Amino acid sequence: MKTASSSSSSSHGFPATASLCTPYLLLVPLGLLAVVLVVPSLGSSHVRSDGLGVLCHAGPSTADGYLVTPGGDAASAAAAAAETKAVVRPELRLLVGVLTTPKRYERRNIVRLAYALQPAVPPGVAQVDVRFVFCRVADPVDAQLVVLEAARHGDILVLNCTENMNDGKTHEYLSSVPRMFASSPYDYVMKTDDDTYLRVAALVDELRHKPRDDVYLGYGFAVGDDPMQFMHGMGYVVSWDVATWVSTNEDILRYNDTHGPEDLLVGKWLNIGRRGKNRYSLRPRMYDLNWDMDNFRPDTVLVHMLKDNRRWAAAFRYFNVTAGLQPSNLYHFP
């Protein structure tokens, strides 16, 4: 558990030719990254793909839990478009930001599978959009490979910051989202990590009957007497108005209050600003996986500390993630 001193009240509210050409060629992936990743993010929150773009759909036509447009002739396409327009807004919309780094390709693929193989939330209940969140991708090789991910999966979000963990990335994420998705706001914004397995339907069940304003939900812990003074960085949710408040609160930057353990800082901002008054702790349904990997719970909402493939495999085995695999003469698994 992270520890820190309790924050007190504050007055602020919160060959020659080759050598010439190579540098320019290396810039191409970076330019593509900016166009493919940043520009679409500024336009719409509905980046559809057969990847992780939309995990839990709001519409009636699905494949593996994603909103899809059927193929076929023009009449079929028109009918599909009319059907999409008739979709009723779901009860809630949740953006899940998985903070990661560009070089963690294998981990992102595992996490994508972890979400994609979960049952879709029923239509009309929730739309859950999952995005992998980076700071600027500076390395040309990483940039090219991340462009491939963005083009294939449509689930990449790039922030205007230098890559870090506890040096302002979470603040940049929470403050950027309300601007990026201003035309189509979410009800809730979640921050989580790439060593966390989130069971989406369980979280949606928790959120359905919660207020849509002034919410701060997660694994509550105390630095002092209040058991919900902070929410652990494994994963926490704030309502859209709280994220908007973070986005517009200039005092957070003025007092350079973005450097340090990010979960403690988020709690500090909200405590000083008297925000997130509707606080909910999901302990013990959110928890760290222990060393022996024997503390899984059937009612899990979120399990953290999946630091290697062995621990991810244990989680998939416990939650029976591969139950839908159809028999085939093309493979056999023990």
Protein backbone atom coordinates (compact mmCIF):
# COMPACT_ATOMS: atom_id res chain seq x y z
CA MET A 1 0.00 0.00 0.00
CA LYS A 2 1.25 3.42 -0.79
CA THR A 3 1.75 5.76 2.12
CA ALA A 4 2.11 9.47 2.45
CA SER A 5 1.41 12.22 4.90
CA SER A 6 -2.15 13.39 5.05
CA SER A 7 -2.71 16.54 3.05
CA SER A 8 -4.00 19.53 4.93
CA SER A 9 -6.37 22.26 3.84
CA SER A 10 -5.11 24.86 1.45
CA SER A 11 -6.19 28.28 0.36
CA HIS A 12 -6.02 27.34 -3.33
CA GLY A 13 -8.99 25.65 -5.11
CA PHE A 14 -7.19 23.76 -7.31
CA PRO A 15 26.09 7.26 -48.14
CA ALA A 16 25.83 11.18 -48.36
CA THR A 17 22.38 10.95 -49.86
CA ALA A 18 21.39 8.31 -47.35
CA SER A 19 22.65 10.34 -44.43
CA LEU A 20 20.68 13.35 -45.64
CA CYS A 21 17.42 11.50 -46.15
CA THR A 22 17.39 9.24 -43.12
CA PRO A 23 16.38 11.87 -40.52
CA TYR A 24 13.45 12.91 -42.65
CA LEU A 25 12.38 9.33 -43.23
CA LEU A 26 12.44 8.72 -39.50
CA LEU A 27 9.98 11.57 -39.06
CA VAL A 28 7.36 9.89 -41.24
CA PRO A 29 6.06 7.50 -38.55
CA LEU A 30 5.81 10.37 -36.07
CA GLY A 31 3.77 12.38 -38.53
CA LEU A 32 1.52 9.44 -39.22
CA LEU A 33 1.11 8.93 -35.49
CA ALA A 34 -0.11 12.47 -35.01
CA VAL A 35 -2.59 12.20 -37.86
CA VAL A 36 -3.89 8.72 -37.08
CA LEU A 37 -4.03 9.01 -33.31
CA VAL A 38 -4.54 12.57 -32.19
CA VAL A 39 -6.80 13.97 -34.88
CA PRO A 40 -9.46 11.22 -34.65
CA SER A 41 -9.47 11.56 -30.87
CA LEU A 42 -10.34 15.22 -31.17
CA GLY A 43 -13.21 14.50 -33.51
CA SER A 44 -15.33 11.75 -32.05
CA SER A 45 -15.53 9.29 -29.23
CA HIS A 46 -17.00 6.64 -31.49
CA VAL A 47 -13.91 5.14 -33.09
CA ARG A 48 -15.28 1.79 -34.24
CA SER A 49 -13.19 -1.24 -35.08
CA ASP A 50 -13.16 -4.96 -34.67
CA GLY A 51 -10.60 -4.38 -31.99
CA LEU A 52 -11.15 -2.82 -28.58
CA GLY A 53 -12.69 0.47 -29.71
CA VAL A 54 -16.14 -0.31 -28.35
CA LEU A 55 -16.33 -3.12 -25.86
CA CYS A 56 -19.92 -2.84 -24.73
CA HIS A 57 -22.25 -1.65 -27.41
CA ALA A 58 -25.30 0.53 -27.35
CA GLY A 59 -26.80 -0.88 -30.55
CA PRO A 60 -28.53 -4.06 -31.61
CA SER A 61 -26.03 -5.51 -34.11
CA THR A 62 -23.00 -7.15 -32.56
CA ALA A 63 -20.10 -9.50 -33.18
CA ASP A 64 -18.01 -10.47 -30.16
CA GLY A 65 -19.55 -7.59 -28.24
CA TYR A 66 -18.74 -4.81 -30.70
CA LEU A 67 -21.02 -2.55 -32.67
CA VAL A 68 -20.69 -3.59 -36.29
CA THR A 69 -22.13 -2.56 -39.64
CA PRO A 70 -23.26 -5.56 -41.67
CA GLY A 71 -21.89 -5.99 -45.17
CA GLY A 72 -24.02 -6.46 -48.26
CA ASP A 73 -25.73 -4.31 -50.84
CA ALA A 74 -26.77 -0.67 -50.63
CA ALA A 75 -30.19 -1.54 -49.28
CA SER A 76 -28.66 -3.53 -46.44
CA ALA A 77 -26.28 -0.68 -45.66
CA ALA A 78 -29.17 1.80 -45.60
CA ALA A 79 -31.16 -0.44 -43.30
CA ALA A 80 -28.18 -0.77 -40.98
CA ALA A 81 -27.75 3.00 -40.92
CA ALA A 82 -31.41 3.52 -40.08
CA GLU A 83 -31.15 0.92 -37.33
CA THR A 84 -28.11 2.66 -35.85
CA LYS A 85 -29.92 6.03 -35.81
CA ALA A 86 -32.78 4.44 -33.91
CA VAL A 87 -30.54 3.26 -31.09
CA VAL A 88 -31.58 4.53 -27.69
CA ARG A 89 -28.90 6.11 -25.52
CA PRO A 90 -27.64 3.60 -22.98
CA GLU A 91 -28.16 4.11 -19.28
CA LEU A 92 -24.51 5.06 -18.87
CA ARG A 93 -21.38 5.65 -20.91
CA LEU A 94 -17.97 4.82 -19.45
CA LEU A 95 -14.52 5.63 -20.82
CA VAL A 96 -11.80 3.28 -19.54
CA GLY A 97 -8.27 4.63 -19.95
CA VAL A 98 -5.59 1.96 -19.60
CA LEU A 99 -2.35 3.81 -18.88
CA THR A 100 0.55 2.05 -20.58
CA THR A 101 3.78 2.78 -22.45
CA PRO A 102 4.55 2.39 -26.17
CA LYS A 103 6.98 -0.53 -25.84
CA ARG A 104 4.52 -2.79 -24.00
CA TYR A 105 3.09 -4.37 -27.16
CA GLU A 106 2.72 -7.87 -25.76
CA ARG A 107 0.96 -6.65 -22.64
CA ARG A 108 -1.51 -4.58 -24.67
CA ASN A 109 -2.36 -7.62 -26.79
CA ILE A 110 -3.05 -9.63 -23.66
CA VAL A 111 -5.21 -6.86 -22.22
CA ARG A 112 -7.13 -6.53 -25.49
CA LEU A 113 -7.94 -10.22 -25.38
CA ALA A 114 -8.90 -9.92 -21.72
CA TYR A 115 -11.56 -7.34 -22.60
CA ALA A 116 -12.63 -8.72 -25.98
CA LEU A 117 -13.46 -12.15 -24.58
CA GLN A 118 -15.72 -10.79 -21.85
CA PRO A 119 -19.48 -10.97 -22.39
CA ALA A 120 -20.95 -7.81 -23.85
CA VAL A 121 -23.06 -5.68 -21.55
CA PRO A 122 -26.71 -5.92 -22.70
CA PRO A 123 -27.82 -3.30 -25.25
CA GLY A 124 -29.26 -0.20 -23.70
CA VAL A 125 -27.44 -0.72 -20.41
CA ALA A 126 -23.97 0.68 -21.02
CA GLN A 127 -21.46 1.70 -23.64
CA VAL A 128 -17.91 1.09 -22.47
CA ASP A 129 -15.06 2.45 -24.59
CA VAL A 130 -11.54 1.27 -23.78
CA ARG A 131 -8.48 3.27 -24.80
CA PHE A 132 -4.77 2.62 -24.28
CA VAL A 133 -3.25 5.87 -23.07
CA PHE A 134 0.29 7.04 -23.93
CA CYS A 135 2.19 10.26 -23.74
CA ARG A 136 3.91 11.42 -26.93
CA VAL A 137 5.56 8.54 -28.78
CA ALA A 138 9.08 9.84 -29.40
CA ASP A 139 10.86 6.77 -30.74
CA PRO A 140 10.35 6.34 -34.53
CA VAL A 141 10.20 2.55 -34.29
CA ASP A 142 7.62 2.65 -31.51
CA ALA A 143 5.69 5.28 -33.46
CA GLN A 144 5.43 3.09 -36.54
CA LEU A 145 4.28 0.08 -34.54
CA VAL A 146 1.76 2.09 -32.52
CA VAL A 147 0.38 3.48 -35.79
CA LEU A 148 -0.27 -0.13 -36.83
CA GLU A 149 -2.15 -0.72 -33.58
CA ALA A 150 -4.20 2.42 -34.04
CA ALA A 151 -5.07 1.56 -37.63
CA ARG A 152 -6.02 -2.00 -36.72
CA HIS A 153 -7.74 -1.58 -33.37
CA GLY A 154 -8.81 2.07 -33.08
CA ASP A 155 -8.13 2.12 -29.36
CA ILE A 156 -5.12 4.43 -28.92
CA LEU A 157 -5.16 7.80 -27.16
CA VAL A 158 -2.01 9.97 -27.16
CA LEU A 159 -1.55 12.79 -24.65
CA ASN A 160 0.58 15.90 -24.96
CA CYS A 161 3.17 14.95 -22.33
CA THR A 162 6.48 13.17 -21.88
CA GLU A 163 6.01 9.53 -20.91
CA ASN A 164 5.95 9.05 -17.12
CA MET A 165 4.05 7.33 -14.34
CA ASN A 166 4.01 9.77 -11.42
CA ASP A 167 5.01 13.00 -13.10
CA GLY A 168 1.71 14.34 -14.38
CA LYS A 169 0.42 11.70 -16.81
CA THR A 170 -2.76 11.00 -14.88
CA HIS A 171 -3.51 14.71 -14.59
CA GLU A 172 -2.95 15.10 -18.34
CA TYR A 173 -5.32 12.20 -18.98
CA LEU A 174 -8.11 13.44 -16.73
CA SER A 175 -7.79 17.02 -17.96
CA SER A 176 -7.57 16.09 -21.67
CA VAL A 177 -10.55 13.76 -21.85
CA PRO A 178 -13.25 16.42 -21.34
CA ARG A 179 -11.78 18.42 -24.23
CA MET A 180 -11.22 15.44 -26.53
CA PHE A 181 -14.75 14.13 -26.09
CA ALA A 182 -16.58 17.42 -25.50
CA SER A 183 -19.04 16.74 -28.34
CA SER A 184 -20.14 13.44 -26.81
CA PRO A 185 -19.47 13.38 -23.06
CA TYR A 186 -19.30 10.23 -21.03
CA ASP A 187 -20.99 9.73 -17.69
CA TYR A 188 -17.84 8.33 -16.08
CA VAL A 189 -14.10 8.28 -16.71
CA MET A 190 -11.92 5.47 -15.39
CA LYS A 191 -8.16 5.37 -14.97
CA THR A 192 -6.56 1.96 -14.70
CA ASP A 193 -3.27 0.23 -15.55
CA ASP A 194 -2.07 -2.51 -17.88
CA ASP A 195 -1.47 -4.92 -14.99
CA THR A 196 -5.14 -4.85 -14.04
CA TYR A 197 -7.94 -7.17 -15.13
CA LEU A 198 -11.26 -5.35 -15.04
CA ARG A 199 -14.50 -7.32 -15.22
CA VAL A 200 -16.58 -4.80 -17.09
CA ALA A 201 -20.06 -6.14 -16.43
CA ALA A 202 -19.40 -6.19 -12.68
CA LEU A 203 -18.28 -2.56 -12.71
CA VAL A 204 -21.27 -1.52 -14.83
CA ASP A 205 -23.60 -3.21 -12.32
CA GLU A 206 -22.01 -1.09 -9.59
CA LEU A 207 -22.32 2.14 -11.57
CA ARG A 208 -25.88 1.71 -12.86
CA HIS A 209 -27.46 2.75 -9.60
CA LYS A 210 -24.89 5.36 -8.60
CA PRO A 211 -25.31 9.10 -9.11
CA ARG A 212 -24.00 10.55 -12.37
CA ASP A 213 -22.43 13.56 -10.64
CA ASP A 214 -19.70 14.12 -8.07
CA VAL A 215 -18.64 10.46 -7.98
CA TYR A 216 -15.26 9.05 -6.89
CA LEU A 217 -15.23 5.25 -6.81
CA GLY A 218 -12.53 2.62 -6.43
CA TYR A 219 -10.49 0.80 -3.80
CA GLY A 220 -10.70 3.23 -0.92
CA PHE A 221 -7.82 3.68 1.49
CA ALA A 222 -6.91 6.14 4.18
CA VAL A 223 -3.96 8.29 5.08
CA GLY A 224 -5.51 9.34 8.34
CA ASP A 225 -8.97 8.56 9.66
CA ASP A 226 -11.15 8.76 6.54
CA PRO A 227 -11.29 5.28 4.92
CA MET A 228 -12.19 6.75 1.54
CA GLN A 229 -9.83 9.71 1.45
CA PHE A 230 -8.06 8.24 -1.60
CA MET A 231 -8.71 5.58 -4.24
CA HIS A 232 -5.90 3.17 -5.11
CA GLY A 233 -4.24 3.63 -8.51
CA MET A 234 -5.13 0.08 -9.59
CA GLY A 235 -8.33 1.60 -10.95
CA TYR A 236 -10.74 4.36 -10.02
CA VAL A 237 -13.73 6.08 -11.57
CA VAL A 238 -14.78 9.72 -11.49
CA SER A 239 -17.93 11.19 -12.93
CA TRP A 240 -17.69 13.46 -15.97
CA ASP A 241 -18.21 16.64 -13.95
CA VAL A 242 -15.26 15.74 -11.71
CA ALA A 243 -13.00 15.17 -14.72
CA THR A 244 -14.18 18.50 -16.13
CA TRP A 245 -13.35 20.21 -12.86
CA VAL A 246 -9.83 18.76 -12.95
CA SER A 247 -9.53 19.96 -16.55
CA THR A 248 -10.42 23.54 -15.67
CA ASN A 249 -8.72 23.84 -12.27
CA GLU A 250 -5.68 26.00 -12.95
CA ASP A 251 -4.51 25.86 -9.33
CA ILE A 252 -3.39 22.24 -9.76
CA LEU A 253 -0.82 23.37 -12.31
CA ARG A 254 -0.13 26.71 -10.67
CA TYR A 255 1.01 24.99 -7.50
CA ASN A 256 2.87 22.29 -9.48
CA ASP A 257 0.71 19.68 -7.79
CA THR A 258 1.04 16.91 -10.38
CA HIS A 259 4.33 15.30 -9.31
CA GLY A 260 4.19 12.31 -6.97
CA PRO A 261 2.06 9.18 -6.42
CA GLU A 262 -0.82 9.79 -8.80
CA ASP A 263 -3.54 8.15 -6.73
CA LEU A 264 -2.66 10.21 -3.67
CA LEU A 265 -2.58 13.39 -5.75
CA VAL A 266 -6.01 12.79 -7.31
CA GLY A 267 -7.47 12.25 -3.86
CA LYS A 268 -5.72 15.38 -2.61
CA TRP A 269 -7.14 17.54 -5.43
CA LEU A 270 -10.65 16.29 -4.79
CA ASN A 271 -10.36 16.62 -1.01
CA ILE A 272 -9.13 20.21 -1.19
CA GLY A 273 -11.63 21.12 -3.88
CA ARG A 274 -14.47 19.34 -2.07
CA ARG A 275 -15.23 17.28 -5.15
CA GLY A 276 -16.19 13.65 -5.53
CA LYS A 277 -18.39 13.78 -2.45
CA ASN A 278 -20.23 10.63 -3.55
CA ARG A 279 -17.49 8.17 -2.65
CA TYR A 280 -17.72 4.41 -2.96
CA SER A 281 -15.13 1.81 -2.06
CA LEU A 282 -15.39 -1.55 -3.82
CA ARG A 283 -13.09 -3.35 -1.41
CA PRO A 284 -12.78 -6.30 -1.19
CA ARG A 285 -14.03 -6.81 -4.77
CA MET A 286 -11.07 -4.74 -5.98
CA TYR A 287 -7.77 -6.17 -4.75
CA ASP A 288 -4.13 -7.06 -5.39
CA LEU A 289 -3.38 -10.61 -6.44
CA ASN A 290 -1.12 -12.12 -3.80
CA TRP A 291 2.20 -13.90 -4.32
CA ASP A 292 0.64 -17.39 -4.31
CA MET A 293 -2.15 -16.33 -6.70
CA ASP A 294 -4.77 -17.97 -4.51
CA ASN A 295 -6.94 -15.04 -3.46
CA PHE A 296 -9.18 -14.69 -6.53
CA ARG A 297 -12.83 -13.98 -5.72
CA PRO A 298 -15.88 -15.02 -7.76
CA ASP A 299 -17.39 -11.54 -7.24
CA THR A 300 -14.27 -9.72 -8.47
CA VAL A 301 -14.68 -6.31 -10.07
CA LEU A 302 -10.96 -5.72 -10.58
CA VAL A 303 -7.76 -7.63 -9.80
CA HIS A 304 -4.40 -5.87 -9.85
CA MET A 305 -0.73 -6.87 -9.88
CA LEU A 306 -0.85 -9.08 -12.98
CA LYS A 307 2.77 -8.27 -13.67
CA ASP A 308 3.68 -11.19 -15.95
CA ASN A 309 2.10 -13.73 -18.30
CA ARG A 310 1.93 -16.39 -15.59
CA ARG A 311 -0.31 -14.20 -13.47
CA TRP A 312 -2.49 -13.23 -16.44
CA ALA A 313 -2.86 -16.94 -17.29
CA ALA A 314 -3.93 -17.66 -13.70
CA ALA A 315 -6.61 -14.95 -13.95
CA PHE A 316 -7.91 -16.27 -17.26
CA ARG A 317 -8.00 -19.78 -15.85
CA TYR A 318 -9.86 -18.77 -12.69
CA PHE A 319 -12.45 -16.68 -14.54
CA ASN A 320 -12.83 -19.34 -17.25
CA VAL A 321 -12.17 -16.77 -19.98
CA THR A 322 -11.70 -19.42 -22.70
CA ALA A 323 -15.00 -21.18 -22.03
CA GLY A 324 -16.35 -20.13 -25.43
CA LEU A 325 -13.63 -21.86 -27.43
CA GLN A 326 -15.28 -24.18 -29.96
CA PRO A 327 -13.89 -27.70 -30.56
CA SER A 328 -11.81 -28.04 -33.71
CA ASN A 329 -9.49 -30.54 -35.38
CA LEU A 330 -7.07 -27.65 -35.92
CA TYR A 331 -5.91 -27.51 -32.31
CA HIS A 332 -5.81 -29.42 -29.07
CA PHE A 333 -5.05 -27.93 -25.67
CA PRO A 334 -4.40 -29.83 -22.44
